[in-house]
């Protein structure tokens, strides 16, 4: 009789154990699922992009120097760039998302030692602002001011390669034009062209995409002063 009771007791215990084990497994499974579905951390050391941050930082940056002139910000697929003219110095900057960093190495030393002014306009007609810088290196010796275009060409292989553009003055290929006058609103640059004997040519300088250069368009010729 006792054997029957013991048998029934063991059977009851076995049923209880079977009922408990799946429950424990279910709790462990639930814990596993809850940990694997936790979303990853969104914290980052990168400063988030803020509309207007580059302009605000540029306005603040130019006030740190005794500035002769500064450009507007050139924005395109190649990034954000701007120029600063101080006494005897021309500096090119690029926005890295957090601050303006010096990228003057792209200037290759510039085109003179006495930059005067920088104009910002889409001179190459590619929807990206370019720069035109004037210099006064020759003025003290009785010479004229001159200027140079800083841009990158339409050529896909050279896109984003900022540099001083070639200028065809009607006779030679050069990097500078003499006595420039700039209509900032229209983005038109007037300048002296080549010397033709005792005469000087004067006209506009326009960009020619096929040659990736600026070409002098003669407007008129005048006799050079003796």
N, C-alpha and C. Protein backbone atom coordinates (compact mmCIF):
# COMPACT_ATOMS: atom_id res chain seq x y z
N UNK A 1 0.81 -1.20 0.00
CA UNK A 1 0.00 0.00 0.00
C UNK A 1 0.85 1.26 0.00
N UNK A 2 1.91 1.18 0.86
CA UNK A 2 2.82 2.32 0.89
C UNK A 2 3.51 2.51 -0.45
N UNK A 3 3.74 1.41 -1.16
CA UNK A 3 4.40 1.50 -2.46
C UNK A 3 3.54 2.27 -3.47
N UNK A 4 2.27 2.08 -3.40
CA UNK A 4 1.36 2.76 -4.32
C UNK A 4 1.35 4.25 -4.04
N UNK A 5 1.32 4.60 -2.72
CA UNK A 5 1.32 6.01 -2.34
C UNK A 5 2.60 6.71 -2.79
N UNK A 6 3.73 6.01 -2.58
CA UNK A 6 5.02 6.58 -2.98
C UNK A 6 5.08 6.77 -4.48
N UNK A 7 4.54 5.81 -5.20
CA UNK A 7 4.54 5.90 -6.65
C UNK A 7 3.76 7.12 -7.12
N UNK A 8 2.55 7.29 -6.49
CA UNK A 8 1.73 8.44 -6.86
C UNK A 8 2.42 9.76 -6.50
N UNK A 9 3.15 9.76 -5.38
CA UNK A 9 3.85 10.98 -4.96
C UNK A 9 4.95 11.35 -5.95
N UNK A 10 5.72 10.30 -6.37
CA UNK A 10 6.77 10.55 -7.36
C UNK A 10 6.19 11.05 -8.68
N UNK A 11 5.05 10.51 -9.08
CA UNK A 11 4.41 10.95 -10.32
C UNK A 11 3.99 12.42 -10.23
N UNK A 12 3.45 12.80 -9.08
CA UNK A 12 3.03 14.20 -8.89
C UNK A 12 4.22 15.15 -8.95
N UNK A 13 5.33 14.71 -8.32
CA UNK A 13 6.54 15.55 -8.34
C UNK A 13 7.08 15.70 -9.76
N UNK A 14 7.04 14.64 -10.52
CA UNK A 14 7.54 14.67 -11.90
C UNK A 14 6.73 15.64 -12.74
N UNK A 15 5.42 15.64 -12.57
CA UNK A 15 4.54 16.54 -13.33
C UNK A 15 4.85 17.99 -12.97
N UNK A 16 5.11 18.23 -11.68
CA UNK A 16 5.42 19.60 -11.23
C UNK A 16 6.73 20.08 -11.84
N UNK A 17 7.73 19.22 -11.88
CA UNK A 17 9.03 19.59 -12.44
C UNK A 17 8.90 19.92 -13.91
N UNK A 18 8.14 19.10 -14.66
CA UNK A 18 7.94 19.34 -16.08
C UNK A 18 7.24 20.67 -16.31
N UNK A 19 6.30 21.01 -15.44
CA UNK A 19 5.55 22.25 -15.59
C UNK A 19 6.42 23.46 -15.29
N UNK A 20 7.39 23.32 -14.35
CA UNK A 20 8.25 24.44 -13.94
C UNK A 20 9.32 24.71 -14.96
N UNK A 21 9.93 23.70 -15.53
CA UNK A 21 11.06 23.87 -16.45
C UNK A 21 10.70 24.72 -17.66
N UNK A 22 9.62 24.49 -18.38
CA UNK A 22 9.27 25.34 -19.53
C UNK A 22 9.05 26.78 -19.12
N UNK A 23 8.48 27.00 -17.93
CA UNK A 23 8.24 28.36 -17.46
C UNK A 23 9.55 29.11 -17.31
N UNK A 24 10.55 28.44 -16.71
CA UNK A 24 11.85 29.07 -16.52
C UNK A 24 12.49 29.37 -17.86
N UNK A 25 12.36 28.43 -18.77
CA UNK A 25 12.94 28.62 -20.11
C UNK A 25 12.27 29.80 -20.81
N UNK A 26 10.94 29.91 -20.61
CA UNK A 26 10.22 31.00 -21.26
C UNK A 26 10.70 32.34 -20.74
N UNK A 27 10.94 32.43 -19.40
CA UNK A 27 11.42 33.69 -18.83
C UNK A 27 12.78 34.05 -19.38
N UNK A 28 13.68 33.04 -19.50
CA UNK A 28 15.01 33.29 -20.05
C UNK A 28 14.93 33.76 -21.49
N UNK A 29 14.03 33.14 -22.27
CA UNK A 29 13.86 33.52 -23.67
C UNK A 29 13.37 34.95 -23.76
N UNK A 30 12.45 35.29 -22.86
CA UNK A 30 11.92 36.65 -22.87
C UNK A 30 13.01 37.66 -22.57
N UNK A 31 13.90 37.28 -21.61
CA UNK A 31 15.01 38.17 -21.28
C UNK A 31 15.94 38.35 -22.46
N UNK A 32 16.21 37.27 -23.20
CA UNK A 32 17.10 37.33 -24.35
C UNK A 32 16.53 38.23 -25.42
N UNK A 33 15.22 38.07 -25.69
CA UNK A 33 14.57 38.88 -26.71
C UNK A 33 14.60 40.35 -26.34
N UNK A 34 14.35 40.64 -25.06
CA UNK A 34 14.30 42.04 -24.65
C UNK A 34 15.66 42.72 -24.78
N UNK A 35 16.75 41.98 -24.56
CA UNK A 35 18.07 42.58 -24.66
C UNK A 35 18.50 42.77 -26.11
N UNK A 36 18.12 41.86 -27.00
CA UNK A 36 18.55 41.97 -28.39
C UNK A 36 17.76 43.02 -29.16
N UNK A 37 16.61 43.43 -28.65
CA UNK A 37 15.82 44.43 -29.37
C UNK A 37 16.03 45.84 -28.80
N UNK A 38 16.95 46.00 -27.86
CA UNK A 38 17.24 47.34 -27.34
C UNK A 38 17.88 48.18 -28.42
N UNK A 39 17.38 49.38 -28.73
CA UNK A 39 17.93 50.21 -29.82
C UNK A 39 19.34 50.67 -29.49
N UNK A 40 20.19 50.79 -30.52
CA UNK A 40 21.56 51.24 -30.30
C UNK A 40 21.60 52.68 -29.82
N UNK A 41 22.70 53.02 -29.18
CA UNK A 41 22.87 54.39 -28.68
C UNK A 41 22.97 55.37 -29.83
N UNK A 42 22.32 56.51 -29.68
CA UNK A 42 22.37 57.54 -30.72
C UNK A 42 23.38 58.63 -30.38
N UNK A 43 24.13 58.47 -29.30
CA UNK A 43 25.11 59.49 -28.93
C UNK A 43 26.25 59.49 -29.94
N UNK A 44 26.81 60.68 -30.24
CA UNK A 44 27.88 60.80 -31.21
C UNK A 44 28.79 61.96 -30.83
N UNK A 45 30.05 61.85 -31.23
CA UNK A 45 31.00 62.93 -30.96
C UNK A 45 31.00 63.95 -32.09
N UNK A 46 30.24 63.70 -33.15
CA UNK A 46 30.16 64.61 -34.29
C UNK A 46 29.15 65.71 -34.01
N UNK A 47 29.56 66.95 -34.26
CA UNK A 47 28.65 68.08 -34.08
C UNK A 47 27.58 68.04 -35.17
N UNK A 48 26.31 68.05 -34.83
CA UNK A 48 25.25 67.96 -35.85
C UNK A 48 25.23 69.19 -36.73
N UNK A 49 24.80 68.99 -38.00
CA UNK A 49 24.71 70.10 -38.94
C UNK A 49 23.58 71.01 -38.53
N UNK A 50 23.86 72.30 -38.53
CA UNK A 50 22.86 73.30 -38.15
C UNK A 50 22.78 74.33 -39.26
N UNK A 51 21.58 74.61 -39.72
CA UNK A 51 21.40 75.58 -40.79
C UNK A 51 21.91 76.95 -40.34
N UNK A 52 22.74 77.55 -41.18
CA UNK A 52 23.26 78.87 -40.86
C UNK A 52 24.49 78.87 -39.99
N UNK A 53 24.95 77.70 -39.55
CA UNK A 53 26.11 77.65 -38.65
C UNK A 53 27.37 78.16 -39.33
N UNK A 54 27.56 77.79 -40.60
CA UNK A 54 28.77 78.22 -41.32
C UNK A 54 28.80 79.74 -41.47
N UNK A 55 27.67 80.33 -41.83
CA UNK A 55 27.61 81.78 -42.00
C UNK A 55 27.83 82.49 -40.68
N UNK A 56 27.23 81.99 -39.63
CA UNK A 56 27.39 82.59 -38.31
C UNK A 56 28.85 82.52 -37.86
N UNK A 57 29.47 81.37 -38.10
CA UNK A 57 30.87 81.20 -37.71
C UNK A 57 31.78 82.08 -38.55
N UNK A 58 31.44 82.25 -39.85
CA UNK A 58 32.26 83.10 -40.73
C UNK A 58 32.17 84.56 -40.29
N UNK A 59 30.98 85.03 -39.97
CA UNK A 59 30.80 86.40 -39.51
C UNK A 59 31.63 86.66 -38.26
N UNK A 60 31.69 85.67 -37.40
CA UNK A 60 32.47 85.80 -36.17
C UNK A 60 33.96 85.72 -36.46
N UNK A 61 34.34 84.86 -37.41
CA UNK A 61 35.75 84.63 -37.71
C UNK A 61 36.41 85.88 -38.29
N UNK A 62 35.75 86.55 -39.21
CA UNK A 62 36.36 87.70 -39.87
C UNK A 62 36.59 88.85 -38.90
N UNK A 63 35.84 88.87 -37.80
CA UNK A 63 36.00 89.93 -36.81
C UNK A 63 37.23 89.73 -35.93
N UNK A 64 37.87 88.57 -36.05
CA UNK A 64 39.05 88.28 -35.26
C UNK A 64 40.31 88.92 -35.85
N UNK A 65 40.21 89.48 -37.07
CA UNK A 65 41.38 90.03 -37.76
C UNK A 65 41.12 91.48 -38.16
N UNK A 66 42.23 92.18 -38.44
CA UNK A 66 42.12 93.49 -39.06
C UNK A 66 41.92 93.21 -40.55
N UNK A 67 40.69 93.21 -40.97
CA UNK A 67 40.33 92.74 -42.30
C UNK A 67 40.21 93.88 -43.31
N UNK A 68 40.89 93.72 -44.44
CA UNK A 68 40.72 94.66 -45.55
C UNK A 68 39.46 94.33 -46.33
N UNK A 69 39.20 93.03 -46.49
CA UNK A 69 38.02 92.59 -47.22
C UNK A 69 37.82 91.10 -46.96
N UNK A 70 36.62 90.64 -47.18
CA UNK A 70 36.34 89.20 -47.09
C UNK A 70 35.24 88.86 -48.08
N UNK A 71 35.22 87.62 -48.49
CA UNK A 71 34.27 87.17 -49.51
C UNK A 71 32.98 86.68 -48.90
N UNK A 72 32.02 86.45 -49.77
CA UNK A 72 30.83 85.69 -49.39
C UNK A 72 31.23 84.22 -49.38
N UNK A 73 30.36 83.37 -48.89
CA UNK A 73 30.65 81.94 -48.82
C UNK A 73 30.28 81.27 -50.14
N UNK A 74 31.21 80.52 -50.70
CA UNK A 74 30.97 79.75 -51.92
C UNK A 74 30.52 78.35 -51.51
N UNK A 75 29.32 77.99 -51.93
CA UNK A 75 28.74 76.70 -51.55
C UNK A 75 28.46 75.86 -52.78
N UNK A 76 28.95 74.61 -52.77
CA UNK A 76 28.72 73.71 -53.89
C UNK A 76 28.96 72.27 -53.48
N UNK A 77 28.98 71.37 -54.47
CA UNK A 77 29.22 69.96 -54.18
C UNK A 77 30.61 69.72 -53.61
N UNK A 78 31.52 70.67 -53.83
CA UNK A 78 32.90 70.52 -53.35
C UNK A 78 33.09 71.07 -51.95
N UNK A 79 32.02 71.59 -51.35
CA UNK A 79 32.12 72.11 -49.99
C UNK A 79 31.88 73.60 -49.92
N UNK A 80 32.14 74.15 -48.74
CA UNK A 80 31.96 75.57 -48.50
C UNK A 80 33.34 76.23 -48.36
N UNK A 81 33.56 77.30 -49.14
CA UNK A 81 34.84 78.00 -49.12
C UNK A 81 34.62 79.50 -48.98
N UNK A 82 35.63 80.19 -48.46
CA UNK A 82 35.57 81.63 -48.33
C UNK A 82 36.99 82.18 -48.26
N UNK A 83 37.12 83.47 -48.59
CA UNK A 83 38.44 84.12 -48.60
C UNK A 83 38.46 85.31 -47.65
N UNK A 84 39.64 85.55 -47.10
CA UNK A 84 39.86 86.67 -46.19
C UNK A 84 41.10 87.44 -46.63
N UNK A 85 40.97 88.77 -46.78
CA UNK A 85 42.09 89.62 -47.16
C UNK A 85 42.49 90.47 -45.96
N UNK A 86 43.74 90.32 -45.54
CA UNK A 86 44.30 91.16 -44.49
C UNK A 86 45.54 91.85 -45.06
N UNK A 87 46.18 92.68 -44.27
CA UNK A 87 47.35 93.42 -44.75
C UNK A 87 48.44 92.46 -45.20
N UNK A 88 48.70 92.43 -46.50
CA UNK A 88 49.75 91.59 -47.05
C UNK A 88 49.46 90.10 -47.02
N UNK A 89 48.19 89.73 -46.92
CA UNK A 89 47.88 88.30 -46.82
C UNK A 89 46.51 87.98 -47.41
N UNK A 90 46.46 86.85 -48.10
CA UNK A 90 45.21 86.31 -48.63
C UNK A 90 45.07 84.89 -48.11
N UNK A 91 43.94 84.60 -47.46
CA UNK A 91 43.74 83.29 -46.85
C UNK A 91 42.45 82.65 -47.38
N UNK A 92 42.55 81.38 -47.73
CA UNK A 92 41.40 80.60 -48.18
C UNK A 92 40.98 79.66 -47.06
N UNK A 93 39.69 79.64 -46.76
CA UNK A 93 39.17 78.78 -45.70
C UNK A 93 38.12 77.81 -46.25
N UNK A 94 38.00 76.67 -45.56
CA UNK A 94 36.97 75.69 -45.88
C UNK A 94 36.24 75.31 -44.61
N UNK A 95 34.94 75.17 -44.70
CA UNK A 95 34.11 74.78 -43.56
C UNK A 95 34.12 73.26 -43.42
N UNK A 96 34.50 72.76 -42.24
CA UNK A 96 34.57 71.32 -42.03
C UNK A 96 33.39 70.77 -41.24
N UNK A 97 32.36 71.58 -41.09
CA UNK A 97 31.19 71.14 -40.34
C UNK A 97 31.17 71.64 -38.92
N UNK A 98 32.35 72.05 -38.42
CA UNK A 98 32.45 72.55 -37.06
C UNK A 98 33.08 73.94 -37.01
N UNK A 99 34.05 74.17 -37.90
CA UNK A 99 34.77 75.45 -37.90
C UNK A 99 35.41 75.69 -39.26
N UNK A 100 35.89 76.90 -39.48
CA UNK A 100 36.59 77.26 -40.70
C UNK A 100 38.06 76.94 -40.55
N UNK A 101 38.58 76.12 -41.47
CA UNK A 101 39.98 75.70 -41.41
C UNK A 101 40.76 76.31 -42.57
N UNK A 102 42.02 76.58 -42.35
CA UNK A 102 42.89 77.21 -43.35
C UNK A 102 43.21 76.22 -44.47
N UNK A 103 42.86 76.63 -45.71
CA UNK A 103 43.15 75.80 -46.89
C UNK A 103 43.97 76.60 -47.91
N UNK A 104 44.78 77.52 -47.39
CA UNK A 104 45.55 78.41 -48.25
C UNK A 104 46.57 77.68 -49.11
N UNK A 105 46.85 76.42 -48.79
CA UNK A 105 47.78 75.65 -49.61
C UNK A 105 47.27 75.57 -51.05
N UNK A 106 45.95 75.66 -51.24
CA UNK A 106 45.37 75.60 -52.58
C UNK A 106 45.66 76.87 -53.38
N UNK A 107 46.04 77.94 -52.71
CA UNK A 107 46.34 79.19 -53.39
C UNK A 107 47.70 79.18 -54.07
N UNK A 108 48.53 78.24 -53.70
CA UNK A 108 49.85 78.15 -54.32
C UNK A 108 50.70 79.40 -54.12
N UNK A 109 50.53 80.07 -53.00
CA UNK A 109 51.30 81.28 -52.74
C UNK A 109 50.61 82.55 -53.20
N UNK A 110 49.48 82.42 -53.89
CA UNK A 110 48.76 83.59 -54.35
C UNK A 110 49.37 84.18 -55.60
N UNK A 111 48.91 85.36 -55.98
CA UNK A 111 49.40 86.03 -57.19
C UNK A 111 50.10 87.34 -56.89
N UNK A 112 50.41 87.57 -55.65
CA UNK A 112 51.12 88.78 -55.27
C UNK A 112 51.24 88.88 -53.76
N UNK A 113 51.86 89.98 -53.31
CA UNK A 113 52.09 90.17 -51.89
C UNK A 113 51.15 91.20 -51.26
N UNK A 114 50.44 91.95 -52.09
CA UNK A 114 49.56 93.00 -51.57
C UNK A 114 48.13 92.84 -52.11
N UNK A 115 47.41 91.84 -51.65
CA UNK A 115 46.01 91.71 -52.07
C UNK A 115 45.20 92.89 -51.54
N UNK A 116 44.26 93.35 -52.35
CA UNK A 116 43.47 94.52 -51.98
C UNK A 116 42.01 94.18 -51.69
N UNK A 117 41.42 93.39 -52.58
CA UNK A 117 39.98 93.13 -52.47
C UNK A 117 39.64 91.80 -53.11
N UNK A 118 38.59 91.17 -52.61
CA UNK A 118 38.11 89.93 -53.20
C UNK A 118 36.64 90.09 -53.56
N UNK A 119 36.30 89.73 -54.80
CA UNK A 119 34.93 89.77 -55.29
C UNK A 119 34.40 88.34 -55.37
N UNK A 120 33.13 88.18 -55.03
CA UNK A 120 32.51 86.85 -55.07
C UNK A 120 31.34 86.86 -56.04
N UNK A 121 31.43 85.99 -57.05
CA UNK A 121 30.37 85.91 -58.05
C UNK A 121 30.54 84.60 -58.82
N UNK A 122 29.46 84.16 -59.45
CA UNK A 122 29.54 82.94 -60.27
C UNK A 122 30.11 83.33 -61.64
N UNK A 123 31.40 83.61 -61.68
CA UNK A 123 32.03 84.06 -62.92
C UNK A 123 32.07 82.95 -63.98
N UNK A 124 32.05 81.68 -63.55
CA UNK A 124 32.15 80.56 -64.50
C UNK A 124 30.78 79.98 -64.88
N UNK A 125 29.71 80.55 -64.35
CA UNK A 125 28.35 80.13 -64.71
C UNK A 125 28.07 78.65 -64.45
N UNK A 126 28.52 78.16 -63.31
CA UNK A 126 28.25 76.76 -62.95
C UNK A 126 27.45 76.66 -61.65
N UNK A 127 26.82 77.77 -61.26
CA UNK A 127 26.00 77.83 -60.04
C UNK A 127 26.82 77.73 -58.76
N UNK A 128 28.11 77.97 -58.84
CA UNK A 128 28.98 77.99 -57.66
C UNK A 128 29.75 79.31 -57.67
N UNK A 129 29.77 80.00 -56.55
CA UNK A 129 30.46 81.28 -56.46
C UNK A 129 31.97 81.10 -56.60
N UNK A 130 32.57 81.94 -57.42
CA UNK A 130 34.02 81.95 -57.62
C UNK A 130 34.58 83.21 -56.96
N UNK A 131 35.90 83.37 -57.04
CA UNK A 131 36.55 84.52 -56.43
C UNK A 131 37.41 85.26 -57.46
N UNK A 132 37.41 86.59 -57.36
CA UNK A 132 38.29 87.41 -58.18
C UNK A 132 39.04 88.34 -57.22
N UNK A 133 40.36 88.23 -57.22
CA UNK A 133 41.19 88.96 -56.25
C UNK A 133 42.01 90.02 -56.98
N UNK A 134 42.01 91.23 -56.43
CA UNK A 134 42.83 92.30 -56.99
C UNK A 134 44.06 92.52 -56.12
N UNK A 135 45.15 92.95 -56.77
CA UNK A 135 46.43 93.17 -56.10
C UNK A 135 46.97 94.56 -56.42
N UNK A 136 47.75 95.09 -55.48
CA UNK A 136 48.35 96.41 -55.66
C UNK A 136 49.85 96.42 -55.60
N UNK A 137 50.48 95.30 -55.95
CA UNK A 137 51.94 95.19 -55.86
C UNK A 137 52.68 96.23 -56.70
N UNK A 138 52.11 96.60 -57.84
CA UNK A 138 52.81 97.48 -58.78
C UNK A 138 52.47 98.96 -58.60
N UNK A 139 51.55 99.27 -57.72
CA UNK A 139 51.06 100.64 -57.60
C UNK A 139 52.15 101.59 -57.08
N UNK A 140 52.93 101.15 -56.10
CA UNK A 140 53.95 102.02 -55.52
C UNK A 140 55.02 102.43 -56.53
N UNK A 141 55.23 101.60 -57.53
CA UNK A 141 56.22 101.91 -58.57
C UNK A 141 55.57 102.63 -59.76
N UNK A 142 54.35 103.11 -59.56
CA UNK A 142 53.66 103.81 -60.63
C UNK A 142 52.91 102.90 -61.58
N UNK A 143 52.83 101.61 -61.23
CA UNK A 143 52.13 100.66 -62.08
C UNK A 143 50.64 100.59 -61.79
N UNK A 144 50.02 99.63 -62.38
CA UNK A 144 48.58 99.48 -62.25
C UNK A 144 48.23 98.29 -61.35
N UNK A 145 47.00 98.29 -60.88
CA UNK A 145 46.52 97.12 -60.15
C UNK A 145 46.29 95.99 -61.15
N UNK A 146 46.19 94.78 -60.64
CA UNK A 146 45.89 93.64 -61.49
C UNK A 146 45.03 92.66 -60.70
N UNK A 147 44.45 91.71 -61.39
CA UNK A 147 43.57 90.76 -60.72
C UNK A 147 43.63 89.37 -61.32
N UNK A 148 43.14 88.41 -60.54
CA UNK A 148 43.14 87.00 -60.97
C UNK A 148 41.86 86.31 -60.51
N UNK A 149 41.43 85.34 -61.31
CA UNK A 149 40.26 84.53 -60.97
C UNK A 149 40.69 83.26 -60.24
N UNK A 150 39.99 82.94 -59.16
CA UNK A 150 40.24 81.69 -58.45
C UNK A 150 38.95 80.88 -58.49
N UNK A 151 39.00 79.73 -59.19
CA UNK A 151 37.80 78.92 -59.41
C UNK A 151 38.22 77.50 -59.75
N UNK A 152 37.22 76.64 -60.02
CA UNK A 152 37.55 75.33 -60.57
C UNK A 152 36.77 75.12 -61.86
N UNK A 153 37.35 74.41 -62.83
CA UNK A 153 36.78 74.29 -64.18
C UNK A 153 35.56 73.39 -64.25
N UNK A 154 34.90 73.44 -65.39
CA UNK A 154 33.75 72.57 -65.65
C UNK A 154 34.18 71.13 -65.88
N UNK A 155 35.40 70.93 -66.29
CA UNK A 155 35.92 69.60 -66.61
C UNK A 155 35.69 68.65 -65.44
N UNK A 156 34.98 67.53 -65.68
CA UNK A 156 34.66 66.59 -64.61
C UNK A 156 35.91 66.02 -63.96
N UNK A 157 36.96 65.83 -64.74
CA UNK A 157 38.19 65.27 -64.20
C UNK A 157 38.90 66.25 -63.26
N UNK A 158 38.62 67.53 -63.43
CA UNK A 158 39.27 68.54 -62.60
C UNK A 158 38.30 69.24 -61.66
N UNK A 159 37.09 68.71 -61.57
CA UNK A 159 36.11 69.33 -60.69
C UNK A 159 36.58 69.28 -59.26
N UNK A 160 36.35 70.35 -58.56
CA UNK A 160 36.77 70.53 -57.17
C UNK A 160 38.26 70.83 -57.03
N UNK A 161 38.97 70.96 -58.14
CA UNK A 161 40.38 71.33 -58.09
C UNK A 161 40.50 72.84 -58.22
N UNK A 162 40.39 73.53 -57.10
CA UNK A 162 40.48 74.98 -57.09
C UNK A 162 41.85 75.43 -57.58
N UNK A 163 41.86 76.53 -58.32
CA UNK A 163 43.14 77.05 -58.80
C UNK A 163 42.96 78.39 -59.50
N UNK A 164 44.08 79.03 -59.82
CA UNK A 164 44.05 80.30 -60.54
C UNK A 164 43.80 80.01 -62.03
N UNK A 165 42.73 80.56 -62.54
CA UNK A 165 42.30 80.25 -63.90
C UNK A 165 43.16 80.94 -64.95
N UNK A 166 43.29 80.29 -66.11
CA UNK A 166 43.98 80.90 -67.24
C UNK A 166 43.13 82.03 -67.81
N UNK A 167 43.83 83.04 -68.34
CA UNK A 167 43.16 84.17 -68.97
C UNK A 167 43.81 84.42 -70.33
N UNK A 168 43.00 84.37 -71.36
CA UNK A 168 43.46 84.67 -72.71
C UNK A 168 43.21 86.16 -72.96
N UNK A 169 44.28 86.97 -72.96
CA UNK A 169 44.10 88.41 -73.09
C UNK A 169 44.03 88.88 -74.54
N UNK A 170 43.90 87.94 -75.45
CA UNK A 170 43.82 88.29 -76.87
C UNK A 170 45.10 88.02 -77.61
N UNK A 171 46.17 87.79 -76.85
CA UNK A 171 47.46 87.50 -77.47
C UNK A 171 48.21 86.43 -76.70
N UNK A 172 48.15 86.49 -75.39
CA UNK A 172 48.89 85.54 -74.55
C UNK A 172 47.96 84.88 -73.53
N UNK A 173 48.42 83.74 -73.02
CA UNK A 173 47.72 83.07 -71.92
C UNK A 173 48.43 83.46 -70.64
N UNK A 174 47.71 84.06 -69.73
CA UNK A 174 48.29 84.54 -68.49
C UNK A 174 47.38 84.18 -67.32
N UNK A 175 47.75 84.57 -66.13
CA UNK A 175 46.94 84.33 -64.93
C UNK A 175 46.38 85.62 -64.35
N UNK A 176 46.81 86.75 -64.90
CA UNK A 176 46.37 88.04 -64.36
C UNK A 176 45.91 88.97 -65.48
N UNK A 177 45.07 89.93 -65.12
CA UNK A 177 44.65 90.97 -66.04
C UNK A 177 44.90 92.32 -65.39
N UNK A 178 45.21 93.30 -66.21
CA UNK A 178 45.63 94.60 -65.71
C UNK A 178 44.46 95.57 -65.58
N UNK A 179 44.54 96.40 -64.54
CA UNK A 179 43.55 97.47 -64.29
C UNK A 179 42.11 96.96 -64.30
N UNK A 180 41.81 95.96 -63.53
CA UNK A 180 40.44 95.43 -63.54
C UNK A 180 39.44 96.37 -62.86
N UNK A 181 38.24 96.39 -63.40
CA UNK A 181 37.12 97.09 -62.80
C UNK A 181 35.97 96.09 -62.77
N UNK A 182 35.37 95.94 -61.61
CA UNK A 182 34.37 94.88 -61.44
C UNK A 182 33.00 95.47 -61.17
N UNK A 183 32.04 95.05 -61.96
CA UNK A 183 30.63 95.35 -61.70
C UNK A 183 30.11 94.20 -60.84
N UNK A 184 30.10 94.40 -59.53
CA UNK A 184 29.77 93.33 -58.60
C UNK A 184 28.35 92.80 -58.81
N UNK A 185 27.43 93.68 -59.10
CA UNK A 185 26.03 93.26 -59.25
C UNK A 185 25.85 92.35 -60.45
N UNK A 186 26.49 92.69 -61.56
CA UNK A 186 26.34 91.91 -62.79
C UNK A 186 27.41 90.84 -62.93
N UNK A 187 28.46 90.91 -62.14
CA UNK A 187 29.53 89.94 -62.24
C UNK A 187 30.36 90.09 -63.49
N UNK A 188 30.48 91.34 -63.97
CA UNK A 188 31.25 91.61 -65.17
C UNK A 188 32.59 92.23 -64.78
N UNK A 189 33.67 91.71 -65.35
CA UNK A 189 35.01 92.23 -65.08
C UNK A 189 35.53 92.92 -66.34
N UNK A 190 35.85 94.19 -66.21
CA UNK A 190 36.45 94.96 -67.29
C UNK A 190 37.94 95.09 -67.00
N UNK A 191 38.74 95.05 -68.04
CA UNK A 191 40.19 95.14 -67.83
C UNK A 191 40.91 95.51 -69.11
N UNK A 192 42.18 95.88 -68.96
CA UNK A 192 43.03 96.11 -70.12
C UNK A 192 43.43 94.77 -70.70
N UNK A 193 43.50 94.72 -72.02
CA UNK A 193 43.95 93.51 -72.69
C UNK A 193 45.39 93.65 -73.13
N UNK A 194 45.71 93.12 -74.28
CA UNK A 194 47.08 93.16 -74.78
C UNK A 194 47.42 94.55 -75.33
N UNK A 195 48.71 94.83 -75.40
CA UNK A 195 49.20 96.08 -76.00
C UNK A 195 49.41 95.85 -77.49
N UNK A 196 48.86 96.73 -78.28
CA UNK A 196 49.00 96.64 -79.73
C UNK A 196 49.79 97.86 -80.21
N UNK A 197 51.10 97.73 -80.16
CA UNK A 197 51.96 98.86 -80.53
C UNK A 197 51.80 99.99 -79.53
N UNK A 198 51.36 101.14 -80.01
CA UNK A 198 51.13 102.28 -79.14
C UNK A 198 49.70 102.35 -78.61
N UNK A 199 48.98 101.28 -78.79
CA UNK A 199 47.58 101.27 -78.37
C UNK A 199 47.33 100.20 -77.30
N UNK A 200 46.32 100.52 -76.47
CA UNK A 200 45.88 99.58 -75.45
C UNK A 200 44.47 99.11 -75.78
N UNK A 201 44.22 97.86 -75.52
CA UNK A 201 42.87 97.33 -75.72
C UNK A 201 42.16 97.27 -74.37
N UNK A 202 40.85 97.45 -74.41
CA UNK A 202 40.05 97.43 -73.18
C UNK A 202 38.76 96.70 -73.47
N UNK A 203 38.33 95.86 -72.53
CA UNK A 203 37.10 95.11 -72.74
C UNK A 203 36.71 94.29 -71.54
N UNK A 204 35.86 93.31 -71.77
CA UNK A 204 35.40 92.43 -70.69
C UNK A 204 36.14 91.09 -70.74
N UNK A 205 36.08 90.38 -69.63
CA UNK A 205 36.69 89.06 -69.55
C UNK A 205 35.58 88.06 -69.22
N UNK A 206 35.37 87.09 -70.09
CA UNK A 206 34.28 86.14 -69.93
C UNK A 206 34.80 84.71 -69.95
N UNK A 207 34.07 83.84 -69.23
CA UNK A 207 34.50 82.44 -69.11
C UNK A 207 34.08 81.62 -70.32
N UNK A 208 35.00 80.81 -70.83
CA UNK A 208 34.73 79.92 -71.95
C UNK A 208 34.88 78.47 -71.47
N UNK A 209 33.77 77.75 -71.26
CA UNK A 209 33.82 76.39 -70.71
C UNK A 209 34.65 75.42 -71.52
N UNK A 210 34.63 75.54 -72.85
CA UNK A 210 35.34 74.58 -73.69
C UNK A 210 36.85 74.60 -73.46
N UNK A 211 37.37 75.74 -73.04
CA UNK A 211 38.81 75.84 -72.78
C UNK A 211 39.13 75.96 -71.30
N UNK A 212 38.07 75.99 -70.49
CA UNK A 212 38.25 76.15 -69.04
C UNK A 212 39.11 77.36 -68.71
N UNK A 213 38.87 78.45 -69.44
CA UNK A 213 39.66 79.66 -69.23
C UNK A 213 38.79 80.89 -69.47
N UNK A 214 39.30 82.03 -69.03
CA UNK A 214 38.62 83.29 -69.28
C UNK A 214 39.21 83.91 -70.55
N UNK A 215 38.35 84.51 -71.34
CA UNK A 215 38.76 85.05 -72.63
C UNK A 215 38.44 86.55 -72.67
N UNK A 216 39.41 87.32 -73.11
CA UNK A 216 39.25 88.76 -73.23
C UNK A 216 38.43 89.11 -74.46
N UNK A 217 37.39 89.91 -74.26
CA UNK A 217 36.55 90.37 -75.36
C UNK A 217 36.79 91.85 -75.55
N UNK A 218 37.49 92.22 -76.63
CA UNK A 218 37.85 93.62 -76.83
C UNK A 218 36.62 94.49 -77.09
N UNK A 219 36.56 95.59 -76.37
CA UNK A 219 35.47 96.54 -76.56
C UNK A 219 35.94 97.71 -77.40
N UNK A 220 37.12 98.23 -77.10
CA UNK A 220 37.67 99.32 -77.90
C UNK A 220 39.17 99.41 -77.67
N UNK A 221 39.82 100.22 -78.47
CA UNK A 221 41.27 100.42 -78.40
C UNK A 221 41.55 101.92 -78.21
N UNK A 222 42.48 102.23 -77.34
CA UNK A 222 42.84 103.63 -77.10
C UNK A 222 44.36 103.77 -77.15
N UNK A 223 44.81 104.96 -77.47
CA UNK A 223 46.23 105.22 -77.57
C UNK A 223 46.85 105.25 -76.19
N UNK A 224 47.98 104.57 -76.08
CA UNK A 224 48.66 104.52 -74.78
C UNK A 224 49.28 105.87 -74.48
N UNK A 225 49.23 106.27 -73.22
CA UNK A 225 49.84 107.53 -72.81
C UNK A 225 51.34 107.41 -72.85
N UNK A 226 52.02 108.45 -73.25
CA UNK A 226 53.48 108.42 -73.39
C UNK A 226 54.17 108.60 -72.05
